[in-house]
Amino acid sequence: MKRYSEFDDFRQKLVKTFPHAEAAMPPLPPKSVVSKFRLQFLEKRKAGLSYFLHCILLNPEFSGAPVVKEFLFS
């Protein structure tokens, strides 16, 4: 299981690799210092991270990139 910070790093690497396509990348769900241990918040954030990853994997420009493979298999 990946940590939120790993998704954040991954998105930053994608933006560096594909600066022209940043608009095609969905934003990550928000972080919260106050709600980070609430089950509802965590489930909503998990769904947002899953949506982000699915969008990246379904985009043919991103899906074959080494940065994506590195994220998935590390």
Protein backbone atom coordinates (compact mmCIF):
# COMPACT_ATOMS: atom_id res chain seq x y z
CA MET A 1 0.00 0.00 0.00
CA LYS A 2 1.32 3.42 -0.96
CA ARG A 3 1.37 6.42 1.35
CA TYR A 4 -0.21 9.72 0.39
CA SER A 5 3.26 11.30 0.18
CA GLU A 6 4.24 8.69 -2.42
CA PHE A 7 1.24 9.67 -4.56
CA ASP A 8 2.20 13.32 -4.14
CA ASP A 9 5.79 12.61 -5.25
CA PHE A 10 4.48 10.53 -8.15
CA ARG A 11 2.21 13.34 -9.37
CA GLN A 12 5.09 15.81 -9.17
CA LYS A 13 7.28 13.47 -11.23
CA LEU A 14 4.48 13.11 -13.79
CA VAL A 15 4.20 16.90 -14.09
CA LYS A 16 7.97 17.15 -14.62
CA THR A 17 7.87 14.38 -17.23
CA PHE A 18 4.74 15.64 -19.00
CA PRO A 19 4.51 19.40 -18.30
CA HIS A 20 2.29 19.92 -21.35
CA ALA A 21 -0.28 17.44 -20.00
CA GLU A 22 -0.71 18.63 -16.42
CA ALA A 23 -4.33 19.59 -17.14
CA ALA A 24 -5.05 15.94 -18.01
CA MET A 25 -3.93 14.83 -14.55
CA PRO A 26 -6.60 14.92 -11.90
CA PRO A 27 -5.67 16.59 -8.62
CA LEU A 28 -4.96 14.47 -5.59
CA PRO A 29 -7.60 14.47 -2.87
CA PRO A 30 -6.90 16.96 -0.09
CA LYS A 31 -4.92 16.23 3.04
CA SER A 32 -6.25 17.06 6.48
CA VAL A 33 -4.42 17.38 9.76
CA VAL A 34 -7.68 17.32 11.70
CA SER A 35 -9.56 14.52 9.91
CA LYS A 36 -6.71 12.21 9.01
CA PHE A 37 -7.83 9.49 11.45
CA ARG A 38 -11.55 9.62 10.66
CA LEU A 39 -12.72 6.57 8.75
CA GLN A 40 -15.03 8.51 6.43
CA PHE A 41 -12.25 10.93 5.50
CA LEU A 42 -9.78 8.09 4.90
CA GLU A 43 -12.21 6.17 2.71
CA LYS A 44 -12.98 9.26 0.65
CA ARG A 45 -9.27 9.98 0.24
CA LYS A 46 -8.61 6.36 -0.72
CA ALA A 47 -11.31 6.60 -3.40
CA GLY A 48 -9.74 9.84 -4.67
CA LEU A 49 -6.29 8.26 -4.89
CA SER A 50 -7.76 5.27 -6.71
CA TYR A 51 -9.50 7.60 -9.17
CA PHE A 52 -6.24 9.48 -9.74
CA LEU A 53 -4.32 6.27 -10.44
CA HIS A 54 -7.00 4.91 -12.77
CA CYS A 55 -7.00 8.15 -14.77
CA ILE A 56 -3.22 7.93 -15.16
CA LEU A 57 -3.30 4.27 -16.18
CA LEU A 58 -6.09 4.80 -18.71
CA ASN A 59 -4.22 7.62 -20.43
CA PRO A 60 -2.03 6.06 -23.14
CA GLU A 61 0.46 8.92 -22.95
CA PHE A 62 1.17 8.26 -19.28
CA SER A 63 0.58 4.55 -18.82
CA GLY A 64 3.75 3.31 -20.54
CA ALA A 65 6.09 5.86 -19.02
CA PRO A 66 8.99 4.68 -16.86
CA VAL A 67 7.87 6.97 -14.03
CA VAL A 68 4.53 5.12 -13.90
CA LYS A 69 6.16 1.70 -13.92
CA GLU A 70 8.54 2.80 -11.18
CA PHE A 71 5.62 3.94 -9.02
CA LEU A 72 3.62 0.75 -9.59
CA PHE A 73 6.42 -1.73 -9.03
CA SER A 74 8.43 -0.12 -6.25
